[in-house]
Protein backbone atom coordinates (compact mmCIF):
# COMPACT_ATOMS: atom_id res chain seq x y z
CA MET A 1 4.98 93.65 -32.04
CA CYS A 2 2.65 91.27 -30.61
CA MET A 3 0.01 92.38 -32.75
CA GLU A 4 1.87 92.28 -35.86
CA ARG A 5 2.77 88.34 -34.86
CA ALA A 6 -1.10 87.74 -35.26
CA PHE A 7 -0.72 88.74 -38.89
CA GLN A 8 2.36 86.11 -39.37
CA PRO A 9 1.77 82.86 -41.22
CA VAL A 10 1.58 79.65 -38.83
CA THR A 11 1.51 75.94 -39.79
CA LEU A 12 -0.73 73.51 -38.11
CA GLY A 13 0.38 69.96 -39.32
CA PRO A 14 0.53 69.75 -43.07
CA LEU A 15 -1.66 73.28 -43.52
CA THR A 16 -0.06 76.56 -43.38
CA LEU A 17 -2.25 79.74 -42.51
CA LYS A 18 -1.35 83.34 -43.84
CA ASN A 19 -2.15 84.59 -40.17
CA ARG A 20 -3.33 83.36 -36.88
CA PHE A 21 -7.06 84.35 -37.21
CA ILE A 22 -9.71 81.69 -37.70
CA LYS A 23 -13.17 82.16 -38.19
CA SER A 24 -14.84 79.96 -35.29
CA ALA A 25 -17.55 77.79 -36.23
CA THR A 26 -20.90 79.32 -35.68
CA TYR A 27 -24.23 77.88 -36.92
CA GLU A 28 -24.94 79.43 -40.08
CA GLY A 29 -28.56 78.63 -41.15
CA PHE A 30 -27.82 78.87 -44.96
CA PHE A 31 -29.35 75.46 -45.56
CA GLU A 32 -32.53 74.28 -47.53
CA GLU A 33 -33.64 70.51 -46.59
CA GLY A 34 -30.36 70.10 -45.76
CA ILE A 35 -28.31 71.07 -48.71
CA PRO A 36 -26.32 74.26 -48.55
CA THR A 37 -27.54 77.42 -50.28
CA GLN A 38 -25.35 79.79 -52.17
CA GLY A 39 -25.78 81.99 -48.83
CA LEU A 40 -23.25 79.61 -47.23
CA THR A 41 -20.75 79.96 -50.18
CA ASP A 42 -21.15 83.75 -49.96
CA HIS A 43 -20.61 84.14 -45.98
CA HIS A 44 -17.84 82.17 -46.09
CA ALA A 45 -16.14 83.60 -48.93
CA ALA A 46 -16.89 87.27 -47.52
CA LEU A 47 -14.72 86.27 -44.51
CA ALA A 48 -11.94 84.86 -46.79
CA GLN A 49 -11.81 88.36 -48.52
CA GLY A 50 -11.90 90.01 -45.35
CA GLY A 51 -8.46 88.49 -44.22
CA VAL A 52 -9.25 85.54 -42.24
CA GLY A 53 -6.89 82.92 -42.28
CA MET A 54 -9.15 79.99 -42.17
CA THR A 55 -13.04 80.24 -41.94
CA THR A 56 -14.74 77.11 -40.15
CA VAL A 57 -18.25 75.60 -41.73
CA SER A 58 -20.22 75.12 -38.65
CA TYR A 59 -21.83 71.88 -37.57
CA GLY A 60 -21.07 69.01 -40.15
CA ALA A 61 -23.26 66.36 -38.68
CA VAL A 62 -21.26 62.86 -39.74
CA SER A 63 -24.43 60.94 -39.89
CA PRO A 64 -28.48 61.47 -40.18
CA GLU A 65 -28.59 60.41 -36.87
CA GLY A 66 -26.16 63.19 -35.70
CA ARG A 67 -28.44 66.05 -36.81
CA THR A 68 -30.37 67.92 -33.91
CA PHE A 69 -33.21 68.65 -36.34
CA HIS A 70 -34.23 66.73 -39.32
CA ASN A 71 -33.46 69.42 -42.13
CA GLN A 72 -29.74 69.96 -40.80
CA MET A 73 -26.88 69.50 -43.05
CA TYR A 74 -25.08 66.08 -42.55
CA ILE A 75 -21.84 65.23 -44.53
CA HIS A 76 -22.79 62.79 -47.57
CA GLU A 77 -22.85 62.54 -51.33
CA GLY A 78 -26.01 64.56 -51.49
CA THR A 79 -24.08 67.61 -49.82
CA LEU A 80 -20.52 67.40 -51.00
CA PRO A 81 -21.07 69.31 -54.43
CA ALA A 82 -22.27 72.29 -52.64
CA LEU A 83 -19.66 72.06 -50.00
CA ALA A 84 -17.22 71.53 -52.41
CA GLY A 85 -18.10 74.98 -53.94
CA VAL A 86 -17.73 76.84 -50.48
CA ALA A 87 -14.35 75.32 -50.48
CA GLU A 88 -13.48 76.38 -53.88
CA ALA A 89 -14.81 80.14 -53.29
CA VAL A 90 -12.65 80.35 -50.34
CA HIS A 91 -9.60 79.50 -51.93
CA ARG A 92 -10.24 81.86 -54.69
CA ALA A 93 -10.74 84.61 -52.30
CA GLY A 94 -7.34 83.78 -50.52
CA GLY A 95 -8.15 81.74 -47.03
CA LYS A 96 -8.49 78.19 -46.15
CA ILE A 97 -11.27 76.36 -44.72
CA SER A 98 -12.27 73.84 -41.92
CA MET A 99 -15.55 72.06 -41.59
CA GLN A 100 -16.33 71.22 -37.86
CA LEU A 101 -17.51 67.52 -37.54
CA THR A 102 -20.28 66.78 -35.21
CA HIS A 103 -22.72 64.58 -33.67
CA CYS A 104 -25.73 66.06 -31.61
CA GLY A 105 -25.80 63.08 -28.97
CA PHE A 106 -29.08 63.11 -26.99
CA PHE A 107 -29.16 66.99 -27.89
CA SER A 108 -31.81 66.11 -30.50
CA LYS A 109 -35.74 66.64 -31.83
CA ASN A 110 -34.89 64.71 -35.09
CA LYS A 111 -37.43 62.18 -34.84
CA GLU A 112 -36.66 60.89 -38.38
CA ALA A 113 -33.42 59.50 -36.68
CA GLY A 114 -35.03 57.48 -34.05
CA LYS A 115 -34.21 57.47 -30.17
CA PRO A 116 -31.44 59.82 -30.30
CA LEU A 117 -27.97 58.18 -28.62
CA GLY A 118 -25.98 59.60 -25.79
CA PRO A 119 -23.31 58.10 -23.34
CA SER A 120 -26.34 57.36 -20.76
CA ARG A 121 -29.93 57.31 -20.68
CA LEU A 122 -30.94 60.79 -20.17
CA LEU A 123 -33.81 63.36 -20.47
CA ASN A 124 -33.65 64.98 -23.59
CA GLN A 125 -35.32 68.11 -22.80
CA TYR A 126 -34.70 69.98 -26.30
CA GLY A 127 -36.72 66.92 -27.81
CA LEU A 128 -39.56 66.45 -25.19
CA LEU A 129 -42.21 68.31 -27.18
CA ASN A 130 -41.16 66.55 -30.24
CA GLY A 131 -41.90 63.03 -28.66
CA LEU A 132 -37.90 62.19 -27.87
CA PRO A 133 -37.99 62.47 -23.85
CA PHE A 134 -35.01 60.06 -23.59
CA SER A 135 -31.75 58.88 -25.22
CA LYS A 136 -30.45 55.57 -25.84
CA GLU A 137 -27.10 54.34 -23.93
CA MET A 138 -24.48 53.94 -26.70
CA ASP A 139 -23.36 50.34 -26.79
CA ARG A 140 -19.93 49.43 -28.30
CA ASP A 141 -21.54 48.66 -31.95
CA ASP A 142 -22.99 52.26 -31.56
CA MET A 143 -19.58 53.63 -30.80
CA GLU A 144 -17.74 51.94 -33.36
CA ARG A 145 -20.18 52.84 -36.00
CA THR A 146 -20.21 56.71 -34.96
CA ALA A 147 -16.62 56.50 -34.93
CA GLY A 148 -16.39 55.60 -38.52
CA HIS A 149 -18.64 57.96 -39.51
CA PHE A 150 -16.38 60.74 -38.18
CA ALA A 151 -13.51 59.04 -40.19
CA LEU A 152 -15.60 58.72 -43.30
CA ALA A 153 -17.03 62.48 -43.11
CA ALA A 154 -13.48 63.77 -42.78
CA GLU A 155 -12.25 61.64 -45.76
CA ARG A 156 -15.29 62.96 -47.92
CA LEU A 157 -14.25 66.66 -46.97
CA ALA A 158 -10.71 65.96 -47.77
CA GLU A 159 -11.99 64.84 -51.60
CA ALA A 160 -14.11 68.02 -51.51
CA GLY A 161 -10.94 70.11 -51.05
CA TYR A 162 -11.43 71.13 -47.15
CA ASP A 163 -8.11 72.16 -45.59
CA ALA A 164 -8.70 71.03 -42.26
CA VAL A 165 -11.31 69.37 -39.78
CA GLU A 166 -12.30 70.41 -36.48
CA VAL A 167 -13.58 67.40 -34.18
CA HIS A 168 -16.24 69.15 -31.90
CA MET A 169 -15.80 67.79 -28.18
CA GLY A 170 -17.89 71.00 -26.62
CA HIS A 171 -20.98 72.59 -26.48
CA GLY A 172 -22.70 69.67 -24.81
CA TYR A 173 -22.81 67.78 -28.12
CA LEU A 174 -21.98 63.76 -28.32
CA LEU A 175 -18.31 63.72 -27.49
CA SER A 176 -18.66 66.69 -24.94
CA GLN A 177 -21.70 64.37 -23.40
CA PHE A 178 -19.04 61.66 -22.70
CA LEU A 179 -16.48 63.92 -21.27
CA SER A 180 -19.03 65.59 -18.82
CA PRO A 181 -19.62 63.94 -15.54
CA ALA A 182 -23.29 65.35 -15.71
CA THR A 183 -24.27 63.28 -18.67
CA ASN A 184 -22.09 60.45 -18.89
CA ARG A 185 -22.94 58.11 -16.10
CA ARG A 186 -21.80 54.89 -17.35
CA LYS A 187 -20.56 52.20 -15.21
CA ASP A 188 -18.41 50.74 -17.90
CA ALA A 189 -14.69 51.69 -19.16
CA TYR A 190 -16.34 54.75 -20.68
CA GLY A 191 -17.70 56.37 -17.55
CA GLY A 192 -16.48 57.30 -14.30
CA PRO A 193 -12.92 58.78 -13.78
CA ILE A 194 -11.88 61.38 -16.66
CA ALA A 195 -9.46 58.99 -18.13
CA ASN A 196 -12.58 56.72 -19.04
CA ARG A 197 -15.12 59.35 -19.90
CA ALA A 198 -12.42 60.60 -22.45
CA ARG A 199 -12.03 57.23 -24.09
CA PHE A 200 -14.34 57.36 -26.41
CA PRO A 201 -13.84 61.02 -27.73
CA LEU A 202 -10.19 60.19 -27.95
CA GLU A 203 -11.23 57.07 -30.09
CA VAL A 204 -12.66 59.28 -32.52
CA PHE A 205 -9.98 61.69 -32.46
CA ARG A 206 -7.58 58.85 -33.43
CA ARG A 207 -9.65 57.28 -36.21
CA VAL A 208 -10.06 60.79 -37.99
CA LYS A 209 -6.36 61.45 -37.82
CA GLU A 210 -5.52 58.19 -38.97
CA ARG A 211 -7.99 58.57 -41.98
CA VAL A 212 -6.85 62.29 -43.06
CA GLY A 213 -4.17 63.46 -41.01
CA HIS A 214 -1.22 63.29 -43.82
CA ARG A 215 -3.72 65.28 -45.93
CA LEU A 216 -5.64 67.63 -43.58
CA ALA A 217 -4.70 69.56 -40.64
CA VAL A 218 -6.89 67.99 -37.46
CA LEU A 219 -8.16 70.71 -34.91
CA VAL A 220 -10.31 69.92 -31.91
CA LYS A 221 -12.76 72.35 -30.45
CA LEU A 222 -12.77 71.23 -26.70
CA ASN A 223 -14.74 72.19 -23.88
CA MET A 224 -12.60 73.99 -20.98
CA SER A 225 -15.68 73.98 -18.54
CA ASP A 226 -19.42 72.93 -19.01
CA GLY A 227 -20.20 76.09 -17.20
CA PHE A 228 -22.21 74.66 -14.22
CA ARG A 229 -21.76 72.81 -10.86
CA GLY A 230 -20.87 69.36 -11.51
CA GLY A 231 -19.85 69.36 -15.29
CA LEU A 232 -16.42 69.31 -16.79
CA THR A 233 -13.84 71.13 -14.85
CA VAL A 234 -10.71 72.85 -16.59
CA GLU A 235 -8.54 70.46 -14.60
CA GLU A 236 -10.06 67.69 -16.33
CA SER A 237 -10.11 69.06 -19.45
CA SER A 238 -6.48 69.86 -19.20
CA TYR A 239 -6.10 65.88 -18.92
CA VAL A 240 -7.80 65.68 -22.29
CA ALA A 241 -5.82 68.22 -23.82
CA GLN A 242 -2.53 66.53 -23.17
CA GLU A 243 -4.19 63.08 -24.37
CA LEU A 244 -4.72 65.11 -27.73
CA GLU A 245 -1.57 66.42 -27.80
CA ARG A 246 -0.21 62.97 -27.49
CA LEU A 247 -2.30 61.88 -30.15
CA GLY A 248 -1.25 64.47 -32.48
CA ALA A 249 -3.82 66.78 -32.63
CA ASP A 250 -2.80 70.01 -35.05
CA ALA A 251 -4.56 72.24 -32.83
CA LEU A 252 -7.00 72.91 -29.98
CA VAL A 253 -9.69 75.82 -30.07
CA LEU A 254 -10.71 76.39 -26.53
CA THR A 255 -14.17 76.98 -25.72
CA GLY A 256 -16.94 76.24 -22.81
CA GLY A 257 -20.83 75.85 -22.24
CA PHE A 258 -23.26 73.28 -22.72
CA THR A 259 -26.11 73.68 -25.25
CA SER A 260 -28.66 71.96 -23.09
CA LYS A 261 -27.79 73.84 -19.70
CA THR A 262 -25.44 76.74 -20.30
CA PRO A 263 -26.06 77.76 -24.13
CA PHE A 264 -25.14 81.66 -23.31
CA TYR A 265 -22.20 80.84 -21.24
CA LEU A 266 -19.90 81.07 -24.85
CA MET A 267 -22.34 83.91 -26.25
CA ARG A 268 -21.77 86.31 -23.33
CA GLY A 269 -23.90 89.47 -23.70
CA GLU A 270 -27.61 90.00 -23.98
CA VAL A 271 -30.00 87.08 -24.67
CA PRO A 272 -32.62 87.67 -27.96
CA LEU A 273 -35.33 86.02 -25.96
CA LYS A 274 -38.22 87.92 -28.21
CA GLY A 275 -36.75 86.38 -31.36
CA MET A 276 -36.16 83.06 -29.96
CA ILE A 277 -39.84 82.86 -28.99
CA GLN A 278 -40.81 83.63 -32.43
CA ASN A 279 -38.46 80.85 -33.98
CA GLY A 280 -40.20 78.32 -31.92
CA GLU A 281 -41.45 75.73 -34.20
CA ASN A 282 -44.70 75.28 -32.86
CA ALA A 283 -46.97 76.96 -30.36
CA ALA A 284 -45.72 74.72 -27.58
CA GLU A 285 -42.33 75.77 -28.13
CA LYS A 286 -42.99 79.14 -28.11
CA ILE A 287 -45.18 79.05 -24.97
CA THR A 288 -42.60 77.42 -23.00
CA MET A 289 -40.06 80.06 -24.16
CA ALA A 290 -42.39 82.71 -23.17
CA LEU A 291 -43.03 81.59 -19.91
CA PHE A 292 -39.93 80.00 -18.85
CA GLY A 293 -37.45 81.38 -21.20
CA PRO A 294 -35.75 83.66 -18.71
CA LEU A 295 -35.40 80.23 -16.28
CA ILE A 296 -33.95 78.27 -19.15
CA VAL A 297 -31.65 80.56 -20.65
CA LYS A 298 -29.43 82.34 -18.04
CA LYS A 299 -27.73 85.37 -19.34
CA TYR A 300 -23.98 85.93 -18.62
CA PRO A 301 -22.50 89.53 -19.00
CA PHE A 302 -19.90 90.36 -21.56
CA THR A 303 -16.19 91.07 -20.67
CA PRO A 304 -13.06 91.18 -22.89
CA LEU A 305 -11.44 87.76 -23.13
CA PHE A 306 -13.86 85.99 -20.76
CA PHE A 307 -12.28 82.78 -21.08
CA LEU A 308 -8.65 83.66 -20.63
CA ASP A 309 -8.17 82.39 -17.10
CA GLN A 310 -9.08 79.00 -18.14
CA ALA A 311 -7.24 79.18 -21.31
CA LEU A 312 -4.35 80.01 -19.44
CA GLN A 313 -4.56 76.87 -17.44
CA ILE A 314 -4.57 74.64 -20.45
CA ARG A 315 -1.72 76.87 -22.00
CA ARG A 316 0.36 75.59 -19.13
CA SER A 317 -0.37 72.12 -19.39
CA VAL A 318 0.55 71.81 -22.88
CA LYS A 319 3.04 72.74 -25.67
CA MET A 320 0.68 72.04 -28.74
CA PRO A 321 -0.80 75.10 -30.73
CA LEU A 322 -4.12 76.45 -28.95
CA ALA A 323 -6.65 78.76 -30.46
CA TYR A 324 -8.13 81.65 -27.87
CA LEU A 325 -11.66 81.80 -28.42
CA GLY A 326 -13.98 84.48 -26.34
CA GLY A 327 -14.39 88.06 -25.95
CA VAL A 328 -11.46 89.26 -28.52
CA ASP A 329 -12.24 93.04 -28.94
CA GLY A 330 -9.77 94.43 -30.88
CA ARG A 331 -5.82 95.39 -31.09
CA GLU A 332 -5.23 95.24 -26.99
CA ASP A 333 -6.97 91.96 -26.42
CA ILE A 334 -5.26 90.46 -29.51
CA SER A 335 -1.60 91.77 -28.26
CA ARG A 336 -2.65 90.23 -25.06
CA LEU A 337 -3.05 87.19 -26.03
CA MET A 338 0.16 86.73 -28.60
CA ASP A 339 2.07 87.89 -25.51
CA ALA A 340 0.46 85.19 -23.27
CA GLY A 341 1.66 82.67 -25.75
CA PHE A 342 -1.59 81.53 -27.84
CA ASP A 343 -1.02 80.67 -31.07
CA LEU A 344 -4.06 81.28 -32.64
CA ILE A 345 -7.42 83.62 -32.40
CA ALA A 346 -10.68 82.26 -33.26
CA LEU A 347 -13.27 85.14 -33.70
CA ALA A 348 -17.18 85.03 -34.54
CA ARG A 349 -19.24 88.04 -33.42
CA PRO A 350 -16.88 90.74 -34.64
CA LEU A 351 -16.55 88.94 -38.08
CA ILE A 352 -20.30 88.45 -38.42
CA HIS A 353 -20.71 92.23 -37.49
CA ASP A 354 -17.93 93.12 -40.27
CA PRO A 355 -16.28 90.54 -42.39
CA GLN A 356 -13.95 93.09 -43.13
CA PHE A 357 -13.06 93.57 -39.32
CA LEU A 358 -9.18 92.22 -39.69
CA LEU A 359 -8.43 94.13 -42.61
CA LYS A 360 -9.55 97.63 -41.05
CA LEU A 361 -7.49 96.59 -37.86
CA HIS A 362 -4.57 95.67 -39.49
CA THR A 363 -4.54 99.02 -41.35
CA GLY A 364 -5.00 101.18 -38.20
CA GLU A 365 -8.66 102.12 -39.57
CA ILE A 366 -10.09 100.97 -36.37
CA ASP A 367 -8.84 99.57 -32.96
CA ARG A 368 -11.72 97.50 -31.88
CA THR A 369 -14.97 95.64 -32.92
CA ALA A 370 -18.34 97.81 -33.10
CA CYS A 371 -19.82 94.76 -32.40
CA ASP A 372 -21.90 95.07 -28.88
CA ARG A 373 -22.94 91.65 -28.24
CA CYS A 374 -26.63 92.01 -28.53
CA ASN A 375 -26.70 88.41 -29.74
CA GLU A 376 -29.67 89.10 -32.36
CA CYS A 377 -27.15 87.02 -34.77
CA VAL A 378 -28.33 84.11 -33.24
CA VAL A 379 -31.71 84.63 -33.91
CA GLU A 380 -31.10 85.16 -37.24
CA MET A 381 -29.75 81.71 -37.73
CA ASP A 382 -33.36 80.24 -38.12
CA ARG A 383 -34.48 82.98 -40.22
CA GLY A 384 -32.68 82.00 -43.27
CA GLY A 385 -29.26 82.56 -42.09
CA VAL A 386 -26.89 84.49 -39.69
CA ARG A 387 -26.28 88.29 -40.15
CA CYS A 388 -25.56 91.25 -37.91
CA VAL A 389 -28.79 93.23 -37.68
CA LYS A 390 -27.22 96.49 -37.07
């Protein structure tokens, strides 16, 4: 019975999904000079054809300086026609579509944007070899302008036919950097206790909600834990979740990990180091990864439902819809999550491995995914577009 509930409709604000499965945002790589290619349309249309209730386009930078590298997509008039085409294809296939709203903060090697912005002046290891060693501490004008970029990006997506937006407060990007005590060292009203560190991310959410909340579902991807000592804790995340519930978030997608420190905290399983070395943009990056890769990129073993304990703490702190993400293998896991009171299930690698995974699961053709978490799909993101190599 719990398994069948996952295939029943669910309402998120102004949006109703045909089932409780969403494709989690994972960077696709289907872009040329920042413009989406046909591959992005085909990728998300295939997911909709495979039965997912809503698919999420990953990393929609809200401004040019919000990109982690120069040819990454950002949401502006030049990308809207292609993005509208993705939405139209998903709708024809019977699904709904969301876009992740993101700003990289200090995690940038985009020299075109100048010195990267962050909650504090921080060492930017990602951009070190590209001449961007430190971030600039954002002032009030920077924050006001950036919050406006989030709201404007959401407005543009509404005009392009999107059904939802997902404000990214996870994985060590800008809003996550404000939440984390490891990267937010401010002494003003935006630093210190979690109520202060959450102030700017909550302001951004409020601006987006006010701008498009009557038309689009507004979700938040929220770190439960950064995955390292001195980072955001699940207790602090519970506070943020309660504030987002108070402000009217339509759902939270629960996640964890910090791209600049613990990138595979979310992607449990193998670390495809060989491919990551080959994908380095220059000799310095390749040499650095070859010499220090095993130290830089920590491996975390895969276990089913690896975020469940943390997610249950958030579940107990709020009544709002929650999407569980992390280590969902098949029918048994889905039933367990439905029984535990989660409203949605976010999937990534099982759907990259097989876009028809949900249809096969529902008909009983299979009981679990065949994805072995080799994580070679991570390497393929930088080789023309995400795909399963097996």
